[in-house]
PDB file of N, CA and C in Angstrom:
ATOM      1  N   UNK A   1     146.115   8.786  74.420  1.00  0.00           N
ATOM      2  CA  UNK A   1     146.118  10.046  75.143  1.00  0.00           C
ATOM      3  C   UNK A   1     147.539  10.600  75.168  1.00  0.00           C
ATOM      4  N   UNK A   2     147.646  11.865  74.930  1.00  0.00           N
ATOM      5  CA  UNK A   2     148.945  12.520  74.902  1.00  0.00           C
ATOM      6  C   UNK A   2     149.371  12.914  76.310  1.00  0.00           C
ATOM      7  N   UNK A   3     150.654  12.738  76.583  1.00  0.00           N
ATOM      8  CA  UNK A   3     151.201  13.089  77.896  1.00  0.00           C
ATOM      9  C   UNK A   3     151.310  14.606  77.986  1.00  0.00           C
ATOM     10  N   UNK A   4     150.867  15.212  79.097  1.00  0.00           N
ATOM     11  CA  UNK A   4     150.932  16.667  79.220  1.00  0.00           C
ATOM     12  C   UNK A   4     152.372  17.181  79.252  1.00  0.00           C
ATOM     13  N   UNK A   5     152.535  18.397  78.765  1.00  0.00           N
ATOM     14  CA  UNK A   5     153.840  19.059  78.756  1.00  0.00           C
ATOM     15  C   UNK A   5     154.033  19.781  80.080  1.00  0.00           C
ATOM     16  N   UNK A   6     155.241  19.714  80.606  1.00  0.00           N
ATOM     17  CA  UNK A   6     155.578  20.404  81.852  1.00  0.00           C
ATOM     18  C   UNK A   6     156.636  21.456  81.541  1.00  0.00           C
ATOM     19  N   UNK A   7     156.374  22.689  81.931  1.00  0.00           N
ATOM     20  CA  UNK A   7     157.333  23.774  81.740  1.00  0.00           C
ATOM     21  C   UNK A   7     158.203  23.849  82.991  1.00  0.00           C
ATOM     22  N   UNK A   8     159.474  23.426  82.864  1.00  0.00           N
ATOM     23  CA  UNK A   8     160.385  23.429  84.010  1.00  0.00           C
ATOM     24  C   UNK A   8     161.749  23.957  83.583  1.00  0.00           C
ATOM     25  N   UNK A   9     162.527  24.453  84.543  1.00  0.00           N
ATOM     26  CA  UNK A   9     163.889  24.897  84.226  1.00  0.00           C
ATOM     27  C   UNK A   9     164.763  23.706  83.809  1.00  0.00           C
ATOM     28  N   UNK A  10     165.727  23.962  82.959  1.00  0.00           N
ATOM     29  CA  UNK A  10     166.621  22.901  82.487  1.00  0.00           C
ATOM     30  C   UNK A  10     167.371  22.257  83.646  1.00  0.00           C
ATOM     31  N   UNK A  11     167.706  23.027  84.663  1.00  0.00           N
ATOM     32  CA  UNK A  11     168.433  22.491  85.821  1.00  0.00           C
ATOM     33  C   UNK A  11     167.673  21.334  86.467  1.00  0.00           C
ATOM     34  N   UNK A  12     166.340  21.423  86.504  1.00  0.00           N
ATOM     35  CA  UNK A  12     165.541  20.331  87.079  1.00  0.00           C
ATOM     36  C   UNK A  12     165.636  19.067  86.231  1.00  0.00           C
ATOM     37  N   UNK A  13     165.809  19.230  84.927  1.00  0.00           N
ATOM     38  CA  UNK A  13     165.955  18.067  84.043  1.00  0.00           C
ATOM     39  C   UNK A  13     167.320  17.432  84.250  1.00  0.00           C
ATOM     40  N   UNK A  14     168.364  18.256  84.212  1.00  0.00           N
ATOM     41  CA  UNK A  14     169.726  17.716  84.292  1.00  0.00           C
ATOM     42  C   UNK A  14     170.060  17.167  85.673  1.00  0.00           C
ATOM     43  N   UNK A  15     169.399  17.674  86.716  1.00  0.00           N
ATOM     44  CA  UNK A  15     169.670  17.158  88.062  1.00  0.00           C
ATOM     45  C   UNK A  15     168.712  16.034  88.460  1.00  0.00           C
ATOM     46  N   UNK A  16     167.694  15.783  87.630  1.00  0.00           N
ATOM     47  CA  UNK A  16     166.731  14.725  87.928  1.00  0.00           C
ATOM     48  C   UNK A  16     167.276  13.344  87.616  1.00  0.00           C
ATOM     49  N   UNK A  17     166.562  12.333  88.103  1.00  0.00           N
ATOM     50  CA  UNK A  17     166.954  10.933  87.871  1.00  0.00           C
ATOM     51  C   UNK A  17     166.169  10.402  86.673  1.00  0.00           C
ATOM     52  N   UNK A  18     166.882   9.951  85.645  1.00  0.00           N
ATOM     53  CA  UNK A  18     166.245   9.443  84.430  1.00  0.00           C
ATOM     54  C   UNK A  18     165.769   8.009  84.649  1.00  0.00           C
ATOM     55  N   UNK A  19     164.525   7.731  84.277  1.00  0.00           N
ATOM     56  CA  UNK A  19     163.948   6.391  84.410  1.00  0.00           C
ATOM     57  C   UNK A  19     163.565   5.907  83.013  1.00  0.00           C
ATOM     58  N   UNK A  20     164.170   4.797  82.611  1.00  0.00           N
ATOM     59  CA  UNK A  20     163.884   4.216  81.302  1.00  0.00           C
ATOM     60  C   UNK A  20     162.832   3.129  81.475  1.00  0.00           C
ATOM     61  N   UNK A  21     161.715   3.244  80.759  1.00  0.00           N
ATOM     62  CA  UNK A  21     160.619   2.290  80.899  1.00  0.00           C
ATOM     63  C   UNK A  21     160.767   1.162  79.889  1.00  0.00           C
ATOM     64  N   UNK A  22     160.137   0.040  80.189  1.00  0.00           N
ATOM     65  CA  UNK A  22     160.253  -1.160  79.359  1.00  0.00           C
ATOM     66  C   UNK A  22     159.182  -1.239  78.276  1.00  0.00           C
ATOM     67  N   UNK A  23     157.969  -0.828  78.599  1.00  0.00           N
ATOM     68  CA  UNK A  23     156.845  -1.013  77.686  1.00  0.00           C
ATOM     69  C   UNK A  23     156.920  -0.145  76.447  1.00  0.00           C
ATOM     70  N   UNK A  24     156.313  -0.641  75.365  1.00  0.00           N
ATOM     71  CA  UNK A  24     156.297   0.083  74.103  1.00  0.00           C
ATOM     72  C   UNK A  24     155.484   1.372  74.206  1.00  0.00           C
ATOM     73  N   UNK A  25     154.434   1.365  74.997  1.00  0.00           N
ATOM     74  CA  UNK A  25     153.544   2.514  75.079  1.00  0.00           C
ATOM     75  C   UNK A  25     153.811   3.385  76.300  1.00  0.00           C
ATOM     76  N   UNK A  26     154.848   3.057  77.041  1.00  0.00           N
ATOM     77  CA  UNK A  26     155.212   3.861  78.205  1.00  0.00           C
ATOM     78  C   UNK A  26     156.364   4.784  77.835  1.00  0.00           C
ATOM     79  N   UNK A  27     156.312   6.011  78.329  1.00  0.00           N
ATOM     80  CA  UNK A  27     157.364   6.984  78.025  1.00  0.00           C
ATOM     81  C   UNK A  27     158.430   6.992  79.104  1.00  0.00           C
ATOM     82  N   UNK A  28     159.672   7.202  78.683  1.00  0.00           N
ATOM     83  CA  UNK A  28     160.746   7.436  79.644  1.00  0.00           C
ATOM     84  C   UNK A  28     160.456   8.754  80.348  1.00  0.00           C
ATOM     85  N   UNK A  29     160.971   8.912  81.548  1.00  0.00           N
ATOM     86  CA  UNK A  29     160.724  10.149  82.285  1.00  0.00           C
ATOM     87  C   UNK A  29     161.870  10.418  83.247  1.00  0.00           C
ATOM     88  N   UNK A  30     161.872  11.633  83.798  1.00  0.00           N
ATOM     89  CA  UNK A  30     162.806  11.957  84.873  1.00  0.00           C
ATOM     90  C   UNK A  30     161.995  12.185  86.135  1.00  0.00           C
ATOM     91  N   UNK A  31     162.624  11.924  87.260  1.00  0.00           N
ATOM     92  CA  UNK A  31     162.030  12.244  88.554  1.00  0.00           C
ATOM     93  C   UNK A  31     162.807  13.442  89.073  1.00  0.00           C
ATOM     94  N   UNK A  32     162.111  14.572  89.235  1.00  0.00           N
ATOM     95  CA  UNK A  32     162.771  15.794  89.683  1.00  0.00           C
ATOM     96  C   UNK A  32     163.033  15.734  91.188  1.00  0.00           C
ATOM     97  N   UNK A  33     163.738  16.734  91.684  1.00  0.00           N
ATOM     98  CA  UNK A  33     164.019  16.811  93.124  1.00  0.00           C
ATOM     99  C   UNK A  33     162.743  16.933  93.943  1.00  0.00           C
ATOM    100  N   UNK A  34     161.653  17.420  93.312  1.00  0.00           N
ATOM    101  CA  UNK A  34     160.350  17.536  93.982  1.00  0.00           C
ATOM    102  C   UNK A  34     159.520  16.264  93.822  1.00  0.00           C
ATOM    103  N   UNK A  35     160.147  15.166  93.376  1.00  0.00           N
ATOM    104  CA  UNK A  35     159.496  13.863  93.153  1.00  0.00           C
ATOM    105  C   UNK A  35     158.412  13.911  92.086  1.00  0.00           C
ATOM    106  N   UNK A  36     158.564  14.794  91.121  1.00  0.00           N
ATOM    107  CA  UNK A  36     157.627  14.912  90.020  1.00  0.00           C
ATOM    108  C   UNK A  36     158.121  14.077  88.842  1.00  0.00           C
ATOM    109  N   UNK A  37     157.218  13.347  88.179  1.00  0.00           N
ATOM    110  CA  UNK A  37     157.578  12.590  86.979  1.00  0.00           C
ATOM    111  C   UNK A  37     157.304  13.461  85.756  1.00  0.00           C
ATOM    112  N   UNK A  38     158.334  13.642  84.921  1.00  0.00           N
ATOM    113  CA  UNK A  38     158.207  14.500  83.743  1.00  0.00           C
ATOM    114  C   UNK A  38     158.773  13.767  82.530  1.00  0.00           C
ATOM    115  N   UNK A  39     157.949  13.627  81.474  1.00  0.00           N
ATOM    116  CA  UNK A  39     158.458  12.979  80.262  1.00  0.00           C
ATOM    117  C   UNK A  39     158.395  13.885  79.034  1.00  0.00           C
ATOM    118  N   UNK A  40     157.493  14.867  79.041  1.00  0.00           N
ATOM    119  CA  UNK A  40     157.434  15.865  77.962  1.00  0.00           C
ATOM    120  C   UNK A  40     157.646  17.227  78.583  1.00  0.00           C
ATOM    121  N   UNK A  41     158.504  18.027  77.944  1.00  0.00           N
ATOM    122  CA  UNK A  41     158.854  19.327  78.503  1.00  0.00           C
ATOM    123  C   UNK A  41     158.644  20.441  77.485  1.00  0.00           C
ATOM    124  N   UNK A  42     158.455  21.646  78.020  1.00  0.00           N
ATOM    125  CA  UNK A  42     158.453  22.873  77.228  1.00  0.00           C
ATOM    126  C   UNK A  42     159.554  23.749  77.806  1.00  0.00           C
ATOM    127  N   UNK A  43     160.509  24.120  76.965  1.00  0.00           N
ATOM    128  CA  UNK A  43     161.657  24.906  77.411  1.00  0.00           C
ATOM    129  C   UNK A  43     161.775  26.177  76.593  1.00  0.00           C
ATOM    130  N   UNK A  44     162.044  27.274  77.270  1.00  0.00           N
ATOM    131  CA  UNK A  44     162.423  28.506  76.592  1.00  0.00           C
ATOM    132  C   UNK A  44     163.907  28.689  76.835  1.00  0.00           C
ATOM    133  N   UNK A  45     164.647  29.057  75.802  1.00  0.00           N
ATOM    134  CA  UNK A  45     166.073  29.271  75.991  1.00  0.00           C
ATOM    135  C   UNK A  45     166.732  29.883  74.776  1.00  0.00           C
ATOM    136  N   UNK A  46     168.038  30.079  74.906  1.00  0.00           N
ATOM    137  CA  UNK A  46     168.854  30.662  73.846  1.00  0.00           C
ATOM    138  C   UNK A  46     169.748  29.562  73.283  1.00  0.00           C
ATOM    139  N   UNK A  47     169.835  29.490  71.971  1.00  0.00           N
ATOM    140  CA  UNK A  47     170.733  28.516  71.340  1.00  0.00           C
ATOM    141  C   UNK A  47     172.164  29.007  71.509  1.00  0.00           C
ATOM    142  N   UNK A  48     172.992  28.187  72.166  1.00  0.00           N
ATOM    143  CA  UNK A  48     174.385  28.577  72.420  1.00  0.00           C
ATOM    144  C   UNK A  48     175.373  27.826  71.530  1.00  0.00           C
ATOM    145  N   UNK A  49     174.952  26.725  70.913  1.00  0.00           N
ATOM    146  CA  UNK A  49     175.816  26.031  69.955  1.00  0.00           C
ATOM    147  C   UNK A  49     174.958  25.174  69.035  1.00  0.00           C
ATOM    148  N   UNK A  50     175.564  24.806  67.905  1.00  0.00           N
ATOM    149  CA  UNK A  50     174.829  24.033  66.907  1.00  0.00           C
ATOM    150  C   UNK A  50     175.793  23.079  66.208  1.00  0.00           C
ATOM    151  N   UNK A  51     175.338  21.851  65.959  1.00  0.00           N
ATOM    152  CA  UNK A  51     176.113  20.861  65.216  1.00  0.00           C
ATOM    153  C   UNK A  51     175.175  20.173  64.237  1.00  0.00           C
ATOM    154  N   UNK A  52     175.622  20.003  63.007  1.00  0.00           N
ATOM    155  CA  UNK A  52     174.790  19.272  62.052  1.00  0.00           C
ATOM    156  C   UNK A  52     175.647  18.370  61.178  1.00  0.00           C
ATOM    157  N   UNK A  53     175.050  17.276  60.761  1.00  0.00           N
ATOM    158  CA  UNK A  53     175.673  16.327  59.856  1.00  0.00           C
ATOM    159  C   UNK A  53     174.634  16.019  58.785  1.00  0.00           C
ATOM    160  N   UNK A  54     174.765  16.691  57.653  1.00  0.00           N
ATOM    161  CA  UNK A  54     173.780  16.561  56.581  1.00  0.00           C
ATOM    162  C   UNK A  54     173.722  15.126  56.054  1.00  0.00           C
ATOM    163  N   UNK A  55     174.881  14.476  55.932  1.00  0.00           N
ATOM    164  CA  UNK A  55     174.930  13.110  55.392  1.00  0.00           C
ATOM    165  C   UNK A  55     174.130  12.130  56.241  1.00  0.00           C
ATOM    166  N   UNK A  56     174.165  12.306  57.551  1.00  0.00           N
ATOM    167  CA  UNK A  56     173.437  11.403  58.449  1.00  0.00           C
ATOM    168  C   UNK A  56     172.063  11.941  58.828  1.00  0.00           C
ATOM    169  N   UNK A  57     171.665  13.071  58.239  1.00  0.00           N
ATOM    170  CA  UNK A  57     170.384  13.707  58.529  1.00  0.00           C
ATOM    171  C   UNK A  57     170.193  13.906  60.030  1.00  0.00           C
ATOM    172  N   UNK A  58     171.137  14.617  60.625  1.00  0.00           N
ATOM    173  CA  UNK A  58     171.145  14.846  62.072  1.00  0.00           C
ATOM    174  C   UNK A  58     171.505  16.299  62.350  1.00  0.00           C
ATOM    175  N   UNK A  59     170.836  16.893  63.316  1.00  0.00           N
ATOM    176  CA  UNK A  59     171.185  18.240  63.762  1.00  0.00           C
ATOM    177  C   UNK A  59     170.921  18.331  65.262  1.00  0.00           C
ATOM    178  N   UNK A  60     171.829  18.994  65.957  1.00  0.00           N
ATOM    179  CA  UNK A  60     171.705  19.154  67.401  1.00  0.00           C
ATOM    180  C   UNK A  60     172.032  20.595  67.770  1.00  0.00           C
ATOM    181  N   UNK A  61     171.208  21.182  68.623  1.00  0.00           N
ATOM    182  CA  UNK A  61     171.488  22.513  69.160  1.00  0.00           C
ATOM    183  C   UNK A  61     171.526  22.407  70.677  1.00  0.00           C
ATOM    184  N   UNK A  62     172.322  23.243  71.294  1.00  0.00           N
ATOM    185  CA  UNK A  62     172.361  23.307  72.753  1.00  0.00           C
ATOM    186  C   UNK A  62     171.598  24.548  73.171  1.00  0.00           C
ATOM    187  N   UNK A  63     170.620  24.360  74.055  1.00  0.00           N
ATOM    188  CA  UNK A  63     169.757  25.449  74.520  1.00  0.00           C
ATOM    189  C   UNK A  63     170.069  25.725  75.983  1.00  0.00           C
ATOM    190  N   UNK A  64     170.192  27.016  76.321  1.00  0.00           N
ATOM    191  CA  UNK A  64     170.531  27.437  77.687  1.00  0.00           C
ATOM    192  C   UNK A  64     169.444  28.377  78.193  1.00  0.00           C
ATOM    193  N   UNK A  65     169.036  28.208  79.466  1.00  0.00           N
ATOM    194  CA  UNK A  65     167.942  29.023  80.019  1.00  0.00           C
ATOM    195  C   UNK A  65     168.311  29.764  81.304  1.00  0.00           C
ATOM    196  N   UNK A  66     169.555  30.058  81.537  1.00  0.00           N
ATOM    197  CA  UNK A  66     170.088  30.746  82.722  1.00  0.00           C
ATOM    198  C   UNK A  66     170.253  29.825  83.926  1.00  0.00           C
ATOM    199  N   UNK A  67     169.733  28.584  83.870  1.00  0.00           N
ATOM    200  CA  UNK A  67     169.948  27.639  84.973  1.00  0.00           C
ATOM    201  C   UNK A  67     170.933  26.549  84.571  1.00  0.00           C
ATOM    202  N   UNK A  68     170.892  26.128  83.313  1.00  0.00           N
ATOM    203  CA  UNK A  68     171.758  25.067  82.792  1.00  0.00           C
ATOM    204  C   UNK A  68     171.528  24.998  81.288  1.00  0.00           C
ATOM    205  N   UNK A  69     172.170  24.043  80.636  1.00  0.00           N
ATOM    206  CA  UNK A  69     171.924  23.850  79.208  1.00  0.00           C
ATOM    207  C   UNK A  69     171.638  22.380  78.922  1.00  0.00           C
ATOM    208  N   UNK A  70     171.003  22.142  77.768  1.00  0.00           N
ATOM    209  CA  UNK A  70     170.643  20.781  77.367  1.00  0.00           C
ATOM    210  C   UNK A  70     170.671  20.703  75.845  1.00  0.00           C
ATOM    211  N   UNK A  71     170.982  19.515  75.342  1.00  0.00           N
ATOM    212  CA  UNK A  71     170.977  19.302  73.901  1.00  0.00           C
ATOM    213  C   UNK A  71     169.564  19.006  73.416  1.00  0.00           C
ATOM    214  N   UNK A  72     169.256  19.538  72.230  1.00  0.00           N
ATOM    215  CA  UNK A  72     168.011  19.245  71.530  1.00  0.00           C
ATOM    216  C   UNK A  72     168.446  18.614  70.211  1.00  0.00           C
ATOM    217  N   UNK A  73     168.150  17.329  70.025  1.00  0.00           N
ATOM    218  CA  UNK A  73     168.663  16.597  68.863  1.00  0.00           C
ATOM    219  C   UNK A  73     167.533  16.077  67.998  1.00  0.00           C
ATOM    220  N   UNK A  74     167.626  16.371  66.692  1.00  0.00           N
ATOM    221  CA  UNK A  74     166.615  15.926  65.750  1.00  0.00           C
ATOM    222  C   UNK A  74     167.210  15.133  64.608  1.00  0.00           C
ATOM    223  N   UNK A  75     166.422  14.238  64.067  1.00  0.00           N
ATOM    224  CA  UNK A  75     166.836  13.388  62.962  1.00  0.00           C
ATOM    225  C   UNK A  75     165.883  13.598  61.794  1.00  0.00           C
ATOM    226  N   UNK A  76     166.358  13.374  60.597  1.00  0.00           N
ATOM    227  CA  UNK A  76     165.601  13.456  59.347  1.00  0.00           C
ATOM    228  C   UNK A  76     164.814  14.760  59.234  1.00  0.00           C
ATOM    229  N   UNK A  77     163.478  14.722  59.264  1.00  0.00           N
ATOM    230  CA  UNK A  77     162.673  15.921  59.069  1.00  0.00           C
ATOM    231  C   UNK A  77     162.904  16.986  60.124  1.00  0.00           C
ATOM    232  N   UNK A  78     163.033  16.568  61.379  1.00  0.00           N
ATOM    233  CA  UNK A  78     163.269  17.543  62.446  1.00  0.00           C
ATOM    234  C   UNK A  78     164.664  18.144  62.325  1.00  0.00           C
ATOM    235  N   UNK A  79     165.631  17.385  61.818  1.00  0.00           N
ATOM    236  CA  UNK A  79     166.985  17.919  61.612  1.00  0.00           C
ATOM    237  C   UNK A  79     166.936  19.074  60.618  1.00  0.00           C
ATOM    238  N   UNK A  80     166.123  18.935  59.583  1.00  0.00           N
ATOM    239  CA  UNK A  80     165.984  20.008  58.589  1.00  0.00           C
ATOM    240  C   UNK A  80     165.378  21.255  59.224  1.00  0.00           C
ATOM    241  N   UNK A  81     164.433  21.072  60.142  1.00  0.00           N
ATOM    242  CA  UNK A  81     163.835  22.222  60.828  1.00  0.00           C
ATOM    243  C   UNK A  81     164.847  22.891  61.755  1.00  0.00           C
ATOM    244  N   UNK A  82     165.641  22.084  62.474  1.00  0.00           N
ATOM    245  CA  UNK A  82     166.650  22.648  63.379  1.00  0.00           C
ATOM    246  C   UNK A  82     167.731  23.405  62.615  1.00  0.00           C
ATOM    247  N   UNK A  83     167.988  23.018  61.363  1.00  0.00           N
ATOM    248  CA  UNK A  83     168.984  23.702  60.530  1.00  0.00           C
ATOM    249  C   UNK A  83     168.646  25.183  60.348  1.00  0.00           C
ATOM    250  N   UNK A  84     167.357  25.533  60.428  1.00  0.00           N
ATOM    251  CA  UNK A  84     166.921  26.917  60.205  1.00  0.00           C
ATOM    252  C   UNK A  84     167.244  27.845  61.367  1.00  0.00           C
ATOM    253  N   UNK A  85     167.669  27.301  62.504  1.00  0.00           N
ATOM    254  CA  UNK A  85     167.966  28.117  63.676  1.00  0.00           C
ATOM    255  C   UNK A  85     169.464  28.373  63.772  1.00  0.00           C
ATOM    256  N   UNK A  86     169.811  29.505  64.385  1.00  0.00           N
ATOM    257  CA  UNK A  86     171.213  29.895  64.518  1.00  0.00           C
ATOM    258  C   UNK A  86     171.567  30.161  65.969  1.00  0.00           C
ATOM    259  N   UNK A  87     172.850  30.176  66.230  1.00  0.00           N
ATOM    260  CA  UNK A  87     173.359  30.521  67.558  1.00  0.00           C
ATOM    261  C   UNK A  87     172.842  31.917  67.920  1.00  0.00           C
ATOM    262  N   UNK A  88     172.317  32.053  69.134  1.00  0.00           N
ATOM    263  CA  UNK A  88     171.775  33.329  69.588  1.00  0.00           C
ATOM    264  C   UNK A  88     170.270  33.456  69.452  1.00  0.00           C
ATOM    265  N   UNK A  89     169.629  32.560  68.709  1.00  0.00           N
ATOM    266  CA  UNK A  89     168.168  32.599  68.573  1.00  0.00           C
ATOM    267  C   UNK A  89     167.513  32.198  69.893  1.00  0.00           C
ATOM    268  N   UNK A  90     166.420  32.882  70.232  1.00  0.00           N
ATOM    269  CA  UNK A  90     165.626  32.534  71.408  1.00  0.00           C
ATOM    270  C   UNK A  90     164.504  31.620  70.917  1.00  0.00           C
ATOM    271  N   UNK A  91     164.382  30.437  71.535  1.00  0.00           N
ATOM    272  CA  UNK A  91     163.447  29.435  71.029  1.00  0.00           C
ATOM    273  C   UNK A  91     162.581  28.838  72.133  1.00  0.00           C
ATOM    274  N   UNK A  92     161.448  28.312  71.702  1.00  0.00           N
ATOM    275  CA  UNK A  92     160.596  27.465  72.534  1.00  0.00           C
ATOM    276  C   UNK A  92     160.748  26.056  71.979  1.00  0.00           C
ATOM    277  N   UNK A  93     161.060  25.103  72.845  1.00  0.00           N
ATOM    278  CA  UNK A  93     161.214  23.705  72.441  1.00  0.00           C
ATOM    279  C   UNK A  93     160.221  22.869  73.238  1.00  0.00           C
ATOM    280  N   UNK A  94     159.425  22.078  72.539  1.00  0.00           N
ATOM    281  CA  UNK A  94     158.531  21.117  73.175  1.00  0.00           C
ATOM    282  C   UNK A  94     158.977  19.741  72.703  1.00  0.00           C
ATOM    283  N   UNK A  95     159.222  18.837  73.655  1.00  0.00           N
ATOM    284  CA  UNK A  95     159.674  17.517  73.240  1.00  0.00           C
ATOM    285  C   UNK A  95     159.746  16.519  74.378  1.00  0.00           C
ATOM    286  N   UNK A  96     160.185  15.314  74.015  1.00  0.00           N
ATOM    287  CA  UNK A  96     160.318  14.209  74.969  1.00  0.00           C
ATOM    288  C   UNK A  96     161.753  14.089  75.438  1.00  0.00           C
ATOM    289  N   UNK A  97     161.906  13.578  76.642  1.00  0.00           N
ATOM    290  CA  UNK A  97     163.241  13.379  77.202  1.00  0.00           C
ATOM    291  C   UNK A  97     163.767  12.000  76.820  1.00  0.00           C
ATOM    292  N   UNK A  98     165.022  11.965  76.421  1.00  0.00           N
ATOM    293  CA  UNK A  98     165.680  10.716  76.036  1.00  0.00           C
ATOM    294  C   UNK A  98     167.089  10.691  76.600  1.00  0.00           C
ATOM    295  N   UNK A  99     167.715   9.512  76.570  1.00  0.00           N
ATOM    296  CA  UNK A  99     169.127   9.336  76.959  1.00  0.00           C
ATOM    297  C   UNK A  99     169.903   8.935  75.717  1.00  0.00           C
ATOM    298  N   UNK A 100     171.129   9.472  75.571  1.00  0.00           N
ATOM    299  CA  UNK A 100     171.967   9.052  74.452  1.00  0.00           C
ATOM    300  C   UNK A 100     172.869   7.896  74.878  1.00  0.00           C
ATOM    301  N   UNK A 101     173.756   7.471  74.004  1.00  0.00           N
ATOM    302  CA  UNK A 101     174.629   6.328  74.290  1.00  0.00           C
ATOM    303  C   UNK A 101     175.596   6.596  75.436  1.00  0.00           C
ATOM    304  N   UNK A 102     175.879   7.869  75.697  1.00  0.00           N
ATOM    305  CA  UNK A 102     176.788   8.238  76.791  1.00  0.00           C
ATOM    306  C   UNK A 102     176.031   8.555  78.078  1.00  0.00           C
ATOM    307  N   UNK A 103     174.739   8.197  78.107  1.00  0.00           N
ATOM    308  CA  UNK A 103     173.889   8.399  79.287  1.00  0.00           C
ATOM    309  C   UNK A 103     173.581   9.869  79.580  1.00  0.00           C
ATOM    310  N   UNK A 104     173.694  10.741  78.587  1.00  0.00           N
ATOM    311  CA  UNK A 104     173.326  12.149  78.759  1.00  0.00           C
ATOM    312  C   UNK A 104     171.862  12.331  78.377  1.00  0.00           C
ATOM    313  N   UNK A 105     171.134  13.107  79.157  1.00  0.00           N
ATOM    314  CA  UNK A 105     169.737  13.389  78.847  1.00  0.00           C
ATOM    315  C   UNK A 105     169.677  14.464  77.769  1.00  0.00           C
ATOM    316  N   UNK A 106     168.798  14.264  76.787  1.00  0.00           N
ATOM    317  CA  UNK A 106     168.581  15.272  75.754  1.00  0.00           C
ATOM    318  C   UNK A 106     167.093  15.356  75.444  1.00  0.00           C
ATOM    319  N   UNK A 107     166.704  16.382  74.693  1.00  0.00           N
ATOM    320  CA  UNK A 107     165.310  16.561  74.304  1.00  0.00           C
ATOM    321  C   UNK A 107     165.159  16.145  72.843  1.00  0.00           C
ATOM    322  N   UNK A 108     164.221  15.246  72.586  1.00  0.00           N
ATOM    323  CA  UNK A 108     163.853  14.866  71.223  1.00  0.00           C
ATOM    324  C   UNK A 108     162.671  15.761  70.851  1.00  0.00           C
ATOM    325  N   UNK A 109     162.881  16.759  69.985  1.00  0.00           N
ATOM    326  CA  UNK A 109     161.869  17.803  69.793  1.00  0.00           C
ATOM    327  C   UNK A 109     160.656  17.368  68.977  1.00  0.00           C
ATOM    328  N   UNK A 110     159.508  17.899  69.377  1.00  0.00           N
ATOM    329  CA  UNK A 110     158.276  17.759  68.609  1.00  0.00           C
ATOM    330  C   UNK A 110     157.964  19.096  67.940  1.00  0.00           C
ATOM    331  N   UNK A 111     158.225  20.186  68.684  1.00  0.00           N
ATOM    332  CA  UNK A 111     157.997  21.548  68.190  1.00  0.00           C
ATOM    333  C   UNK A 111     159.205  22.395  68.571  1.00  0.00           C
ATOM    334  N   UNK A 112     159.699  23.167  67.616  1.00  0.00           N
ATOM    335  CA  UNK A 112     160.735  24.164  67.900  1.00  0.00           C
ATOM    336  C   UNK A 112     160.339  25.410  67.128  1.00  0.00           C
ATOM    337  N   UNK A 113     160.233  26.530  67.832  1.00  0.00           N
ATOM    338  CA  UNK A 113     159.917  27.776  67.132  1.00  0.00           C
ATOM    339  C   UNK A 113     160.653  28.935  67.776  1.00  0.00           C
ATOM    340  N   UNK A 114     160.962  29.917  66.946  1.00  0.00           N
ATOM    341  CA  UNK A 114     161.641  31.112  67.416  1.00  0.00           C
ATOM    342  C   UNK A 114     160.626  31.979  68.158  1.00  0.00           C
ATOM    343  N   UNK A 115     161.038  32.561  69.282  1.00  0.00           N
ATOM    344  CA  UNK A 115     160.166  33.439  70.066  1.00  0.00           C
ATOM    345  C   UNK A 115     160.894  34.751  70.332  1.00  0.00           C
ATOM    346  N   UNK A 116     160.149  35.719  70.790  1.00  0.00           N
ATOM    347  CA  UNK A 116     160.735  37.012  71.150  1.00  0.00           C
ATOM    348  C   UNK A 116     161.439  36.891  72.494  1.00  0.00           C
ATOM    349  N   UNK A 117     162.427  37.726  72.713  1.00  0.00           N
ATOM    350  CA  UNK A 117     163.199  37.698  73.959  1.00  0.00           C
ATOM    351  C   UNK A 117     162.310  37.943  75.176  1.00  0.00           C
ATOM    352  N   UNK A 118     161.260  38.777  75.030  1.00  0.00           N
ATOM    353  CA  UNK A 118     160.408  39.051  76.191  1.00  0.00           C
ATOM    354  C   UNK A 118     159.632  37.810  76.637  1.00  0.00           C
ATOM    355  N   UNK A 119     159.309  36.882  75.717  1.00  0.00           N
ATOM    356  CA  UNK A 119     158.675  35.618  76.115  1.00  0.00           C
ATOM    357  C   UNK A 119     159.633  34.784  76.963  1.00  0.00           C
ATOM    358  N   UNK A 120     160.901  34.797  76.566  1.00  0.00           N
ATOM    359  CA  UNK A 120     161.932  34.081  77.322  1.00  0.00           C
ATOM    360  C   UNK A 120     162.052  34.655  78.728  1.00  0.00           C
ATOM    361  N   UNK A 121     162.114  35.988  78.843  1.00  0.00           N
ATOM    362  CA  UNK A 121     162.265  36.604  80.163  1.00  0.00           C
ATOM    363  C   UNK A 121     161.010  36.432  81.012  1.00  0.00           C
ATOM    364  N   UNK A 122     159.830  36.419  80.404  1.00  0.00           N
ATOM    365  CA  UNK A 122     158.604  36.139  81.146  1.00  0.00           C
ATOM    366  C   UNK A 122     158.674  34.730  81.733  1.00  0.00           C
ATOM    367  N   UNK A 123     159.159  33.780  80.946  1.00  0.00           N
ATOM    368  CA  UNK A 123     159.331  32.412  81.431  1.00  0.00           C
ATOM    369  C   UNK A 123     160.318  32.366  82.589  1.00  0.00           C
ATOM    370  N   UNK A 124     161.382  33.136  82.504  1.00  0.00           N
ATOM    371  CA  UNK A 124     162.371  33.194  83.592  1.00  0.00           C
ATOM    372  C   UNK A 124     161.699  33.661  84.876  1.00  0.00           C
ATOM    373  N   UNK A 125     160.892  34.717  84.794  1.00  0.00           N
ATOM    374  CA  UNK A 125     160.217  35.233  85.991  1.00  0.00           C
ATOM    375  C   UNK A 125     159.176  34.256  86.531  1.00  0.00           C
ATOM    376  N   UNK A 126     158.487  33.527  85.651  1.00  0.00           N
ATOM    377  CA  UNK A 126     157.473  32.567  86.089  1.00  0.00           C
ATOM    378  C   UNK A 126     158.076  31.358  86.795  1.00  0.00           C
ATOM    379  N   UNK A 127     159.209  30.890  86.313  1.00  0.00           N
ATOM    380  CA  UNK A 127     159.759  29.624  86.793  1.00  0.00           C
ATOM    381  C   UNK A 127     160.831  29.713  87.851  1.00  0.00           C
ATOM    382  N   UNK A 128     161.450  30.862  88.031  1.00  0.00           N
ATOM    383  CA  UNK A 128     162.628  30.861  88.899  1.00  0.00           C
ATOM    384  C   UNK A 128     162.422  31.745  90.084  1.00  0.00           C
TER     385      UNK A 128
END
């Protein structure tokens, strides 16, 4: 069974407490200030920076949604998809929450697609 996606502001992710699970079939999650457990997220935002390393098949973009920003990092096939996006693009990102080696929370993307600015602003009005 697939874990449902939760549409929340980035600020709730970055201010939440990250919980790393032990089991192979259990997903890591964050506990938000409202005591909600969230492991898959849907985010609308603007790409504010981009980093890629073709040799290591890695690409990372930073997405900002007017509350905070978060890194979206992809490897191999997803890195190639992230390469198609540029700074200033408005995107929808669906993915799982992970921690990097420096203990920063990031999104491991499953879906990334460009959207119109009005979809982004509709999301702003719905969530904030």
